[in-house]
Amino acid sequence: MAHSLLPELQRPTTFNFATDVVDYWAANLAPGPALHWVSSDRKVERKLSFEHFSRESHRIAVLFRQNLQVEEGARMLVILPRIPEWWEVATAAIRAGIVLCPATSLLVGHDIAHRLQRTRATLFVGDAVSVAKVLSVRAECPDLEHIIQIGDSPPPGVINYHRSLNAVSTYAKFAGVDPKVDRAAILYFTSGTSGQPKMVQQNAISYPLAHTITGKHWLRLTRDSLYWNMAEQGWGKAAWAYFGACNCGAGLFVFDDRGAFSAERTLSILQDYPITTLCAPPTAYRQLVMKENQRGYDQERLKSLVHCVSAGEPLNAEVIKMWKGMTGREISEGYGQTECILVCGNFANSPLRPGSMGLPAPGVPLHVIDESGAICPAGVEGDMAIKIDDTDSSKFFGIFDGYLGEDGVLDRRLKRATSGEDWYPTGDRAIVDDAGYFWFVGRSDDVINSAGYRIGPFEVESTLKEHSAVVESAAVSSPDPDRGEVVKAFIVLTRESANLDQQKLTKDLQNFCKKRAAPYKYPRRIQFVTADWLARFKTASGKTQRKRLKELEWQPAREKAKL
């Protein structure tokens, strides 16, 4: 199909991201680099064109399919740091019809074995660190046929990536595969809050093409943009960045960060490189606005940055306000999942309402529904859900095929409304206001019901963030004999407040919340914790796992009930 950026995408009959997007921009000479890469020590830079990714993905596809005899539809697990080869290999997989299974470098051997077993991957691509982990569990993974190592000299039995690729002609062309749009293209594992992660299957257009909406409308990317997405490639948001940017002919900025997040370093990078668009998680923005992290910051050097976004979990309005005061830039929040593209966000032609997730993305049938599947009126809390209609090619297609079970069966877990319509419930609760803006209430299993009052934990956390003593917090339900459950807040204090009288500070925070929000929402119980302690209850992408904190609170009560 001819590449285009339609206001509202329609489902094509054929599509291959590598040929229809990457090769398109290679032939039509996008003005900037496809990838601007900077090494972890910031001493090496590489600016790679779309032509580079077109050429290299052809060669790698030949290596995989012809030289190694990897079959179409086979699955490939990839665990690499932020190096250009990741994007080369990913593009080649899509070109060759190999199912891409990205995973984070934080996984240990047991986690990797689980993913290899679940995906039945026959091919693994990694660096020396991840290859060593794979070798430690290889006996548990009978389907694995090839292990490829990028960088360093691989151990016996492991394929040397660059040496093998050097045997493929620079001018090699892969003939291509049947560009059917319903074939499996990507498998992601959701981080989950309990139990084993679920396997999410995306087809050839649900991510690779539909993320045009993400790139064009939410990220507001053009051919002159350079986009820095801070997510590691093992997470779905990295795919949002890659497909969203490429579909718009924009460039990706990649900093090969292999250490802990540094607010000071992040601000320095924003000032030293021509980054136009930034996507950072809420946890990063919260640290960036702290006064002690702003040493050496110069707003005058922040000339290139024009647009900032955040997703993953809602941002407190106070952080958005502080970031704008510090940089002059607003943060446009957005909402999506590993299961779908950006389906809700703050867009260019709509006034930004701090704290809101924004409006449904163009062409996305996102609503708040009640238990019967009926759309809720404005101001009424319900389940966020996407209307599904696979029979009409003009309808939204930026959503997963389903969770892939052990038996190979896909399950979208759709909800059939009383009226007969099918909905995909996201698992999040929200309210839509009179202007159509979505306001996050909480995960369906995070909402606190105290004496009949339904309290969203995010509301409590947002109020606490406005207090000068609070760095961050997490609110969950805690058992109570009178109210059934009450709000408990785990709070990380600023350095200046850490040594204050805790009993007095607790009362001060509770009174503060009573004044800033409805009194019934205040945290009746408060526990002060360190940032490191709270980090134990976060996913690798920075999301607070309130469910685990809730289990911590309720476990003693359950144990007592057994006595």
Protein backbone atom coordinates (compact mmCIF):
# COMPACT_ATOMS: atom_id res chain seq x y z
CA MET A 1 0.00 0.00 0.00
CA ALA A 2 1.13 3.57 -0.58
CA HIS A 3 2.25 5.24 2.62
CA SER A 4 -0.03 8.01 3.84
CA LEU A 5 -1.00 9.77 7.05
CA LEU A 6 -4.76 9.68 6.98
CA PRO A 7 -6.74 11.72 9.53
CA GLU A 8 -8.52 8.48 10.40
CA LEU A 9 -6.84 5.27 9.33
CA GLN A 10 -8.80 2.58 7.53
CA ARG A 11 -7.93 -1.07 7.71
CA PRO A 12 -5.86 -2.03 4.63
CA THR A 13 -5.96 -5.43 2.99
CA THR A 14 -2.15 -5.75 2.87
CA PHE A 15 0.63 -4.10 4.86
CA ASN A 16 4.21 -4.71 5.93
CA PHE A 17 5.79 -2.02 8.08
CA ALA A 18 9.29 -2.64 6.74
CA THR A 19 8.34 -2.31 3.08
CA ASP A 20 5.46 0.18 3.33
CA VAL A 21 7.03 2.57 5.86
CA VAL A 22 10.80 2.10 6.28
CA ASP A 23 11.47 1.48 2.58
CA TYR A 24 9.09 4.32 1.72
CA TRP A 25 11.04 6.88 3.75
CA ALA A 26 14.35 5.47 2.50
CA ALA A 27 13.22 6.11 -1.07
CA ASN A 28 11.66 9.48 -0.32
CA LEU A 29 14.58 10.82 1.71
CA ALA A 30 13.19 11.85 5.07
CA PRO A 31 15.27 14.92 6.05
CA GLY A 32 16.51 13.84 9.47
CA PRO A 33 18.00 10.63 10.87
CA ALA A 34 15.75 7.68 11.62
CA LEU A 35 17.84 7.09 14.75
CA HIS A 36 20.13 9.50 16.62
CA TRP A 37 22.04 7.28 19.04
CA VAL A 38 24.28 8.45 21.90
CA SER A 39 26.47 6.08 23.94
CA SER A 40 26.14 5.78 27.70
CA ASP A 41 29.30 7.84 28.27
CA ARG A 42 28.09 10.38 25.67
CA LYS A 43 31.39 10.10 23.77
CA VAL A 44 29.99 8.35 20.68
CA GLU A 45 27.12 9.43 18.43
CA ARG A 46 25.59 7.67 15.44
CA LYS A 47 23.01 9.18 13.12
CA LEU A 48 21.40 6.43 11.07
CA SER A 49 19.10 7.08 8.11
CA PHE A 50 15.98 5.25 6.98
CA GLU A 51 18.08 4.01 4.08
CA HIS A 52 20.39 2.36 6.64
CA PHE A 53 17.50 0.54 8.31
CA SER A 54 16.05 -0.47 4.96
CA ARG A 55 19.35 -1.93 3.79
CA GLU A 56 20.31 -3.63 7.06
CA SER A 57 16.86 -5.12 7.67
CA HIS A 58 16.97 -6.70 4.21
CA ARG A 59 20.36 -8.27 5.03
CA ILE A 60 19.27 -9.47 8.47
CA ALA A 61 16.07 -10.93 7.01
CA VAL A 62 18.21 -12.91 4.56
CA LEU A 63 20.42 -14.05 7.44
CA PHE A 64 17.43 -15.27 9.46
CA ARG A 65 15.23 -16.79 6.79
CA GLN A 66 17.73 -18.11 4.22
CA ASN A 67 21.01 -18.72 6.02
CA LEU A 68 19.56 -19.93 9.35
CA GLN A 69 16.39 -21.37 7.81
CA VAL A 70 14.10 -19.70 10.34
CA GLU A 71 10.54 -20.25 9.14
CA GLU A 72 7.88 -17.62 8.56
CA GLY A 73 5.72 -17.34 11.67
CA ALA A 74 8.54 -18.51 13.96
CA ARG A 75 9.02 -16.51 17.15
CA MET A 76 12.13 -14.60 18.13
CA LEU A 77 12.86 -13.38 21.67
CA VAL A 78 15.06 -10.27 21.78
CA ILE A 79 16.81 -8.87 24.86
CA LEU A 80 19.24 -6.09 24.08
CA PRO A 81 20.32 -2.81 25.67
CA ARG A 82 19.59 0.46 23.87
CA ILE A 83 21.83 -0.17 20.86
CA PRO A 84 20.97 0.43 17.16
CA GLU A 85 20.97 -3.29 16.42
CA TRP A 86 17.71 -3.67 18.33
CA TRP A 87 15.83 -1.54 15.81
CA GLU A 88 17.62 -3.21 12.89
CA VAL A 89 16.66 -6.68 14.12
CA ALA A 90 13.07 -5.64 14.91
CA THR A 91 12.59 -4.21 11.41
CA ALA A 92 14.09 -7.34 9.87
CA ALA A 93 11.74 -9.59 11.84
CA ILE A 94 8.69 -7.72 10.55
CA ARG A 95 10.07 -7.77 7.01
CA ALA A 96 10.68 -11.51 7.17
CA GLY A 97 7.41 -12.51 8.85
CA ILE A 98 9.11 -13.57 12.09
CA VAL A 99 7.10 -12.81 15.24
CA LEU A 100 8.99 -10.30 17.37
CA CYS A 101 8.98 -10.96 21.14
CA PRO A 102 10.71 -8.06 22.92
CA ALA A 103 11.71 -8.46 26.57
CA THR A 104 13.43 -6.27 29.13
CA SER A 105 17.08 -6.70 30.06
CA LEU A 106 16.01 -6.77 33.73
CA LEU A 107 14.78 -10.35 33.40
CA VAL A 108 16.65 -13.11 35.19
CA GLY A 109 17.18 -16.61 33.82
CA HIS A 110 13.95 -18.00 35.28
CA ASP A 111 11.92 -15.19 33.66
CA ILE A 112 13.59 -15.73 30.31
CA ALA A 113 12.96 -19.47 30.46
CA HIS A 114 9.27 -18.79 31.09
CA ARG A 115 9.07 -16.52 28.03
CA LEU A 116 10.94 -18.94 25.81
CA GLN A 117 8.66 -21.74 26.92
CA ARG A 118 5.47 -19.72 26.50
CA THR A 119 6.37 -18.29 23.10
CA ARG A 120 8.07 -21.52 21.92
CA ALA A 121 10.65 -19.21 20.36
CA THR A 122 13.16 -20.91 18.08
CA LEU A 123 15.47 -17.89 17.87
CA PHE A 124 17.02 -15.70 20.57
CA VAL A 125 18.98 -12.49 19.96
CA GLY A 126 20.82 -10.78 22.80
CA ASP A 127 24.03 -9.30 24.14
CA ALA A 128 26.64 -11.13 26.23
CA VAL A 129 24.69 -10.57 29.46
CA SER A 130 21.33 -11.86 28.23
CA VAL A 131 22.92 -14.73 26.28
CA ALA A 132 24.62 -15.92 29.46
CA LYS A 133 21.22 -15.97 31.17
CA VAL A 134 19.73 -17.97 28.29
CA LEU A 135 22.54 -20.51 28.37
CA SER A 136 21.90 -21.08 32.08
CA VAL A 137 18.33 -22.22 31.28
CA ARG A 138 18.70 -23.60 27.77
CA ALA A 139 18.01 -27.16 28.90
CA GLU A 140 14.52 -26.00 29.93
CA CYS A 141 13.76 -24.56 26.46
CA PRO A 142 13.54 -27.44 23.93
CA ASP A 143 12.15 -25.29 21.10
CA LEU A 144 15.15 -22.94 21.04
CA GLU A 145 17.31 -23.67 17.98
CA HIS A 146 19.51 -20.59 17.49
CA ILE A 147 21.14 -18.18 19.94
CA ILE A 148 22.69 -15.07 18.41
CA GLN A 149 24.97 -12.74 20.34
CA ILE A 150 25.61 -9.12 19.40
CA GLY A 151 28.94 -7.75 20.63
CA ASP A 152 31.86 -9.52 22.33
CA SER A 153 33.08 -12.98 21.42
CA PRO A 154 30.23 -15.45 21.94
CA PRO A 155 30.73 -18.74 23.80
CA PRO A 156 30.71 -22.07 21.91
CA GLY A 157 27.42 -22.91 20.25
CA VAL A 158 26.33 -19.26 20.04
CA ILE A 159 26.21 -17.46 16.67
CA ASN A 160 28.37 -14.37 16.23
CA TYR A 161 25.91 -11.78 14.89
CA HIS A 162 28.28 -9.41 13.10
CA ARG A 163 30.46 -12.17 11.67
CA SER A 164 27.38 -13.96 10.28
CA LEU A 165 25.96 -10.73 8.89
CA ASN A 166 29.25 -9.90 7.19
CA ALA A 167 28.70 -13.01 5.08
CA VAL A 168 25.53 -11.44 3.65
CA SER A 169 25.97 -9.07 0.71
CA THR A 170 25.49 -5.35 1.32
CA TYR A 171 23.07 -5.37 -1.60
CA ALA A 172 21.09 -8.41 -0.49
CA LYS A 173 17.32 -8.13 -0.84
CA PHE A 174 14.80 -10.28 0.95
CA ALA A 175 12.00 -11.31 -1.39
CA GLY A 176 9.32 -10.62 1.21
CA VAL A 177 6.40 -12.48 2.72
CA ASP A 178 2.67 -12.51 2.17
CA PRO A 179 1.70 -9.10 3.58
CA LYS A 180 -1.55 -10.27 5.14
CA VAL A 181 -2.64 -7.96 7.91
CA ASP A 182 -4.05 -10.54 10.30
CA ARG A 183 -0.83 -12.48 10.83
CA ALA A 184 0.82 -12.35 14.26
CA ALA A 185 3.64 -9.78 14.28
CA ILE A 186 4.50 -8.98 17.92
CA LEU A 187 4.12 -10.73 21.27
CA TYR A 188 4.47 -8.69 24.45
CA PHE A 189 4.27 -9.85 28.03
CA THR A 190 2.31 -7.53 30.30
CA SER A 191 4.09 -6.65 33.52
CA GLY A 192 1.10 -7.67 35.64
CA THR A 193 0.52 -7.12 39.34
CA SER A 194 0.22 -10.76 40.34
CA GLY A 195 0.75 -14.18 38.85
CA GLN A 196 2.60 -14.84 35.60
CA PRO A 197 2.49 -12.10 32.95
CA LYS A 198 -0.08 -12.45 30.18
CA MET A 199 1.07 -12.79 26.57
CA VAL A 200 -0.39 -10.08 24.32
CA GLN A 201 -0.52 -10.74 20.57
CA GLN A 202 -0.46 -7.84 18.09
CA ASN A 203 -0.98 -8.35 14.36
CA ALA A 204 0.72 -6.68 11.39
CA ILE A 205 -1.35 -3.49 11.61
CA SER A 206 -2.67 -3.21 15.19
CA TYR A 207 0.65 -1.74 16.36
CA PRO A 208 2.81 -1.12 13.26
CA LEU A 209 0.21 0.94 11.35
CA ALA A 210 -2.31 2.09 13.95
CA HIS A 211 0.40 3.87 15.93
CA THR A 212 0.26 6.50 13.21
CA ILE A 213 -2.52 7.91 15.39
CA THR A 214 -0.17 7.95 18.40
CA GLY A 215 2.64 9.62 16.49
CA LYS A 216 0.66 12.16 14.54
CA HIS A 217 -1.96 13.29 17.04
CA TRP A 218 -0.54 12.75 20.53
CA LEU A 219 3.20 13.05 19.93
CA ARG A 220 2.58 15.63 17.16
CA LEU A 221 5.55 14.35 15.20
CA THR A 222 6.57 15.63 11.78
CA ARG A 223 9.46 14.86 9.45
CA ASP A 224 11.54 17.44 11.35
CA SER A 225 10.94 15.94 14.81
CA LEU A 226 13.46 14.14 17.01
CA TYR A 227 11.64 12.10 19.65
CA TRP A 228 13.12 10.84 22.91
CA ASN A 229 11.11 8.07 24.51
CA MET A 230 12.70 6.97 27.79
CA ALA A 231 11.11 3.50 27.91
CA GLU A 232 13.34 0.47 27.46
CA GLN A 233 12.60 -1.71 24.41
CA GLY A 234 11.17 -4.53 26.50
CA TRP A 235 8.03 -2.47 27.12
CA GLY A 236 5.16 -1.68 24.78
CA LYS A 237 5.75 2.07 24.99
CA ALA A 238 9.03 1.62 23.11
CA ALA A 239 7.05 0.15 20.21
CA TRP A 240 4.68 3.12 20.44
CA ALA A 241 7.76 5.29 19.89
CA TYR A 242 9.25 3.30 17.03
CA PHE A 243 6.12 2.82 14.96
CA GLY A 244 4.69 6.24 15.81
CA ALA A 245 7.88 8.05 14.81
CA CYS A 246 8.59 6.04 11.66
CA ASN A 247 5.06 6.41 10.34
CA CYS A 248 5.53 10.18 10.57
CA GLY A 249 9.02 10.17 9.04
CA ALA A 250 10.39 11.46 12.35
CA GLY A 251 13.63 10.49 14.07
CA LEU A 252 14.14 8.61 17.34
CA PHE A 253 16.66 9.87 19.88
CA VAL A 254 18.18 7.01 21.87
CA PHE A 255 20.45 7.45 24.87
CA ASP A 256 22.12 4.15 25.77
CA ASP A 257 21.31 4.53 29.45
CA ARG A 258 22.43 1.48 31.43
CA GLY A 259 22.29 2.89 34.94
CA ALA A 260 19.76 4.26 37.38
CA PHE A 261 17.64 7.21 36.30
CA SER A 262 19.34 10.55 36.88
CA ALA A 263 17.24 13.72 36.78
CA GLU A 264 20.35 15.87 36.47
CA ARG A 265 21.66 13.86 33.51
CA THR A 266 18.24 13.87 31.82
CA LEU A 267 18.03 17.67 32.01
CA SER A 268 21.56 17.92 30.64
CA ILE A 269 20.70 15.71 27.65
CA LEU A 270 17.59 17.77 26.89
CA GLN A 271 19.78 20.86 26.77
CA ASP A 272 22.64 19.36 24.72
CA TYR A 273 20.81 17.56 21.89
CA PRO A 274 18.16 18.76 19.37
CA ILE A 275 15.33 16.78 20.98
CA THR A 276 11.93 18.21 20.01
CA THR A 277 9.63 15.75 21.78
CA LEU A 278 9.95 14.04 25.15
CA CYS A 279 8.01 11.12 26.60
CA ALA A 280 8.90 10.38 30.22
CA PRO A 281 7.07 8.36 32.88
CA PRO A 282 5.40 10.16 35.79
CA THR A 283 8.11 8.96 38.16
CA ALA A 284 10.73 10.76 36.05
CA TYR A 285 8.78 14.02 35.90
CA ARG A 286 8.28 13.91 39.66
CA GLN A 287 12.04 13.77 40.15
CA LEU A 288 12.81 16.30 37.44
CA VAL A 289 10.80 19.02 39.15
CA MET A 290 12.48 18.57 42.54
CA LYS A 291 14.64 21.60 43.34
CA GLU A 292 17.74 19.58 44.26
CA ASN A 293 17.72 18.03 40.76
CA GLN A 294 17.72 21.33 38.90
CA ARG A 295 21.31 22.37 39.59
CA GLY A 296 22.94 23.56 36.38
CA TYR A 297 19.62 23.71 34.52
CA ASP A 298 19.34 26.53 31.97
CA GLN A 299 15.96 27.06 30.28
CA GLU A 300 17.61 29.16 27.56
CA ARG A 301 19.41 26.04 26.32
CA LEU A 302 16.11 24.15 26.02
CA LYS A 303 15.31 25.70 22.64
CA SER A 304 14.62 22.53 20.64
CA LEU A 305 12.07 20.96 22.99
CA VAL A 306 8.55 21.83 21.91
CA HIS A 307 6.34 19.03 23.21
CA CYS A 308 6.26 16.84 26.33
CA VAL A 309 4.04 13.84 27.02
CA SER A 310 3.54 11.28 29.75
CA ALA A 311 1.76 7.94 29.97
CA GLY A 312 1.80 4.78 32.04
CA GLU A 313 -0.07 6.18 35.02
CA PRO A 314 -1.74 9.54 35.66
CA LEU A 315 0.36 12.58 36.54
CA ASN A 316 -0.51 14.82 39.44
CA ALA A 317 -1.71 18.25 38.35
CA GLU A 318 0.84 19.82 40.68
CA VAL A 319 3.74 18.17 38.83
CA ILE A 320 2.37 19.40 35.50
CA LYS A 321 2.19 22.91 36.93
CA MET A 322 5.74 22.73 38.31
CA TRP A 323 7.16 21.41 35.00
CA LYS A 324 5.54 24.24 33.06
CA GLY A 325 6.89 26.79 35.53
CA MET A 326 10.35 25.28 35.22
CA THR A 327 10.54 24.72 31.43
CA GLY A 328 7.68 26.69 29.92
CA ARG A 329 6.35 23.45 28.39
CA GLU A 330 3.11 21.68 29.19
CA ILE A 331 2.83 17.92 29.64
CA SER A 332 0.16 16.28 27.51
CA GLU A 333 -1.00 13.13 29.21
CA GLY A 334 -2.15 10.13 27.26
CA TYR A 335 -3.67 6.76 27.92
CA GLY A 336 -3.11 3.42 26.27
CA GLN A 337 -2.03 -0.10 27.11
CA THR A 338 0.18 -2.89 25.87
CA GLU A 339 -3.09 -4.23 24.43
CA CYS A 340 -3.78 -1.14 22.31
CA ILE A 341 -2.37 2.08 20.94
CA LEU A 342 -2.85 5.55 22.42
CA VAL A 343 -6.63 5.71 22.75
CA CYS A 344 -7.04 8.88 24.81
CA GLY A 345 -4.91 11.98 25.16
CA ASN A 346 -4.46 15.73 25.18
CA PHE A 347 -4.24 16.89 21.58
CA ALA A 348 -3.13 20.07 19.84
CA ASN A 349 -6.55 21.53 19.07
CA SER A 350 -8.06 20.93 22.50
CA PRO A 351 -7.35 22.93 25.68
CA LEU A 352 -5.22 20.97 28.12
CA ARG A 353 -6.97 20.18 31.38
CA PRO A 354 -4.25 19.28 33.92
CA GLY A 355 -4.96 15.96 35.58
CA SER A 356 -7.23 14.75 32.77
CA MET A 357 -6.33 11.93 30.40
CA GLY A 358 -7.82 14.07 27.64
CA LEU A 359 -10.17 13.17 24.81
CA PRO A 360 -10.54 9.98 22.76
CA ALA A 361 -7.96 9.81 19.97
CA PRO A 362 -9.26 10.38 16.42
CA GLY A 363 -11.20 7.36 15.23
CA VAL A 364 -11.08 5.57 18.61
CA PRO A 365 -14.50 4.52 20.01
CA LEU A 366 -13.55 4.96 23.68
CA HIS A 367 -16.33 5.32 26.25
CA VAL A 368 -17.17 4.82 29.91
CA ILE A 369 -19.75 2.06 30.31
CA ASP A 370 -21.79 0.57 33.15
CA GLU A 371 -22.18 -3.09 34.11
CA SER A 372 -24.73 -3.71 31.34
CA GLY A 373 -22.49 -2.22 28.66
CA ALA A 374 -24.49 1.00 28.31
CA ILE A 375 -22.55 4.26 27.91
CA CYS A 376 -22.54 6.23 31.15
CA PRO A 377 -23.74 9.85 31.18
CA ALA A 378 -21.29 12.65 32.01
CA GLY A 379 -20.11 12.64 35.61
CA VAL A 380 -20.97 8.98 36.26
CA GLU A 381 -18.12 6.61 37.06
CA GLY A 382 -17.77 3.45 35.02
CA ASP A 383 -15.39 1.15 33.16
CA MET A 384 -13.23 2.55 30.36
CA ALA A 385 -13.94 0.42 27.31
CA ILE A 386 -13.31 0.35 23.55
CA LYS A 387 -16.10 -0.64 21.19
CA ILE A 388 -15.07 -3.51 18.93
CA ASP A 389 -16.32 -4.12 15.40
CA ASP A 390 -14.09 -6.36 13.28
CA THR A 391 -16.64 -6.62 10.47
CA ASP A 392 -16.21 -3.03 9.20
CA SER A 393 -12.85 -2.04 7.66
CA SER A 394 -13.49 1.60 8.50
CA LYS A 395 -13.62 0.84 12.23
CA PHE A 396 -10.80 1.10 14.77
CA PHE A 397 -8.17 -1.65 14.49
CA GLY A 398 -5.46 -0.49 16.90
CA ILE A 399 -6.11 -3.22 19.44
CA PHE A 400 -4.61 -6.62 20.17
CA ASP A 401 -5.75 -9.96 18.82
CA GLY A 402 -6.07 -11.27 22.36
CA TYR A 403 -4.19 -12.89 25.21
CA LEU A 404 -2.46 -15.97 23.88
CA GLY A 405 -3.12 -18.91 26.16
CA GLU A 406 -1.06 -22.01 26.85
CA ASP A 407 -3.30 -23.86 24.39
CA GLY A 408 -2.65 -21.34 21.61
CA VAL A 409 -6.15 -19.89 21.84
CA LEU A 410 -6.58 -16.11 21.73
CA ASP A 411 -8.89 -14.42 24.23
CA ARG A 412 -9.72 -10.72 24.01
CA ARG A 413 -11.88 -10.95 27.12
CA LEU A 414 -14.57 -8.89 25.47
CA LYS A 415 -17.75 -7.88 27.23
CA ARG A 416 -21.05 -8.34 25.43
CA ALA A 417 -23.45 -5.51 26.19
CA THR A 418 -27.17 -6.07 26.74
CA SER A 419 -27.69 -4.29 23.42
CA GLY A 420 -25.46 -6.83 21.65
CA GLU A 421 -22.37 -4.64 21.18
CA ASP A 422 -18.90 -5.95 22.00
CA TRP A 423 -16.58 -3.97 24.26
CA TYR A 424 -12.97 -4.39 25.35
CA PRO A 425 -12.85 -3.27 29.03
CA THR A 426 -9.45 -1.79 29.83
CA GLY A 427 -9.68 -2.60 33.53
CA ASP A 428 -9.59 1.07 34.49
CA ARG A 429 -12.33 3.20 36.00
CA ALA A 430 -12.99 6.76 34.81
CA ILE A 431 -15.47 9.61 34.57
CA VAL A 432 -16.19 11.66 31.46
CA ASP A 433 -17.03 15.33 32.04
CA ASP A 434 -19.48 17.49 30.10
CA ALA A 435 -16.78 18.42 27.57
CA GLY A 436 -15.89 14.78 26.87
CA TYR A 437 -12.61 14.72 28.83
CA PHE A 438 -11.72 11.50 30.63
CA TRP A 439 -10.69 11.59 34.29
CA PHE A 440 -8.93 8.58 35.78
CA VAL A 441 -10.42 7.12 38.96
CA GLY A 442 -8.31 4.00 39.43
CA ARG A 443 -7.85 0.41 38.43
CA SER A 444 -11.01 -1.60 38.82
CA ASP A 445 -9.43 -3.54 41.68
CA ASP A 446 -7.76 -0.46 43.22
CA VAL A 447 -10.86 1.55 44.03
CA ILE A 448 -11.38 1.89 47.79
CA ASN A 449 -14.88 1.43 49.17
CA SER A 450 -14.96 2.98 52.63
CA ALA A 451 -18.30 3.08 54.44
CA GLY A 452 -20.06 3.19 51.06
CA TYR A 453 -17.83 5.90 49.63
CA ARG A 454 -15.87 4.92 46.50
CA ILE A 455 -12.45 6.56 46.63
CA GLY A 456 -9.96 6.54 43.79
CA PRO A 457 -6.39 6.18 45.06
CA PHE A 458 -5.11 8.63 42.48
CA GLU A 459 -7.28 11.37 43.95
CA VAL A 460 -5.66 10.86 47.35
CA GLU A 461 -2.15 10.73 45.88
CA SER A 462 -2.75 13.91 43.86
CA THR A 463 -3.84 15.81 46.95
CA LEU A 464 -0.87 14.59 48.99
CA LYS A 465 1.53 15.63 46.23
CA GLU A 466 0.48 19.24 46.73
CA HIS A 467 1.94 19.17 50.26
CA SER A 468 5.50 20.49 50.44
CA ALA A 469 6.68 17.55 52.56
CA VAL A 470 5.64 14.83 50.09
CA VAL A 471 7.78 13.48 47.24
CA GLU A 472 5.38 10.71 46.23
CA SER A 473 2.77 8.43 47.73
CA ALA A 474 0.71 5.33 47.09
CA ALA A 475 -2.83 4.97 48.44
CA VAL A 476 -4.53 1.62 49.01
CA SER A 477 -7.34 0.18 51.07
CA SER A 478 -6.65 -1.04 54.58
CA PRO A 479 -9.04 -3.23 56.64
CA ASP A 480 -11.15 -1.46 59.26
CA PRO A 481 -13.72 -3.03 61.62
CA ASP A 482 -16.11 -0.08 61.38
CA ARG A 483 -15.86 1.09 57.77
CA GLY A 484 -14.89 -2.18 56.12
CA GLU A 485 -11.84 -0.51 54.66
CA VAL A 486 -10.16 2.88 54.90
CA VAL A 487 -7.57 4.77 52.92
CA LYS A 488 -3.96 4.16 53.84
CA ALA A 489 -1.14 6.17 52.28
CA PHE A 490 2.48 5.07 52.00
CA ILE A 491 4.40 8.35 51.80
CA VAL A 492 7.95 9.24 50.75
CA LEU A 493 9.04 12.51 52.38
CA THR A 494 11.41 15.19 51.12
CA ARG A 495 14.85 15.31 52.68
CA GLU A 496 13.90 18.42 54.65
CA SER A 497 10.86 16.73 56.19
CA ALA A 498 12.32 13.30 56.92
CA ASN A 499 13.37 14.26 60.47
CA LEU A 500 10.17 16.01 61.54
CA ASP A 501 7.96 14.64 64.27
CA GLN A 502 6.01 11.91 62.45
CA GLN A 503 2.94 12.00 64.67
CA LYS A 504 2.57 15.73 64.18
CA LEU A 505 3.28 15.45 60.46
CA THR A 506 0.64 12.73 60.09
CA LYS A 507 -2.04 15.00 61.55
CA ASP A 508 -0.85 17.88 59.41
CA LEU A 509 -1.11 15.79 56.24
CA GLN A 510 -4.56 14.49 57.17
CA ASN A 511 -5.86 18.00 57.85
CA PHE A 512 -4.28 19.18 54.61
CA CYS A 513 -6.16 16.49 52.67
CA LYS A 514 -9.44 17.29 54.40
CA LYS A 515 -9.11 20.88 53.25
CA ARG A 516 -7.98 20.14 49.68
CA ALA A 517 -10.45 17.35 48.88
CA ALA A 518 -13.70 15.84 50.14
CA PRO A 519 -13.10 14.95 53.83
CA TYR A 520 -14.06 11.32 53.38
CA LYS A 521 -11.10 10.87 51.02
CA TYR A 522 -8.36 11.68 53.50
CA PRO A 523 -5.92 8.89 54.47
CA ARG A 524 -6.95 7.69 57.92
CA ARG A 525 -3.72 5.73 58.10
CA ILE A 526 -0.28 6.91 57.02
CA GLN A 527 3.01 5.06 56.89
CA PHE A 528 6.23 6.90 56.05
CA VAL A 529 8.56 4.87 53.83
CA THR A 530 11.75 5.40 51.87
CA ALA A 531 11.86 5.73 48.10
CA ASP A 532 13.81 2.46 47.90
CA TRP A 533 11.12 0.65 49.90
CA LEU A 534 8.32 1.93 47.67
CA ALA A 535 10.34 1.03 44.57
CA ARG A 536 9.96 -2.63 45.58
CA PHE A 537 6.27 -2.26 44.74
CA LYS A 538 6.76 -0.83 41.24
CA THR A 539 7.06 -2.47 37.86
CA ALA A 540 10.23 -1.94 35.84
CA SER A 541 8.37 0.74 33.86
CA GLY A 542 7.66 2.71 37.05
CA LYS A 543 4.02 1.86 37.72
CA THR A 544 3.05 1.50 41.36
CA GLN A 545 1.65 -1.97 42.02
CA ARG A 546 -1.09 -0.93 44.41
CA LYS A 547 -2.46 -4.45 44.39
CA ARG A 548 0.69 -5.75 46.09
CA LEU A 549 0.56 -2.97 48.67
CA LYS A 550 -3.10 -3.78 49.27
CA GLU A 551 -2.25 -7.44 49.79
CA LEU A 552 0.38 -6.36 52.32
CA GLU A 553 -2.32 -4.53 54.25
CA TRP A 554 -4.99 -7.21 54.08
CA GLN A 555 -2.87 -10.28 54.72
CA PRO A 556 -2.78 -9.91 58.53
CA ALA A 557 -6.58 -9.57 58.61
CA ARG A 558 -6.99 -12.70 56.50
CA GLU A 559 -4.60 -14.62 58.72
CA LYS A 560 -6.54 -13.53 61.82
CA ALA A 561 -9.82 -14.62 60.19
CA LYS A 562 -8.44 -18.14 59.89
CA LEU A 563 -7.83 -18.37 63.63
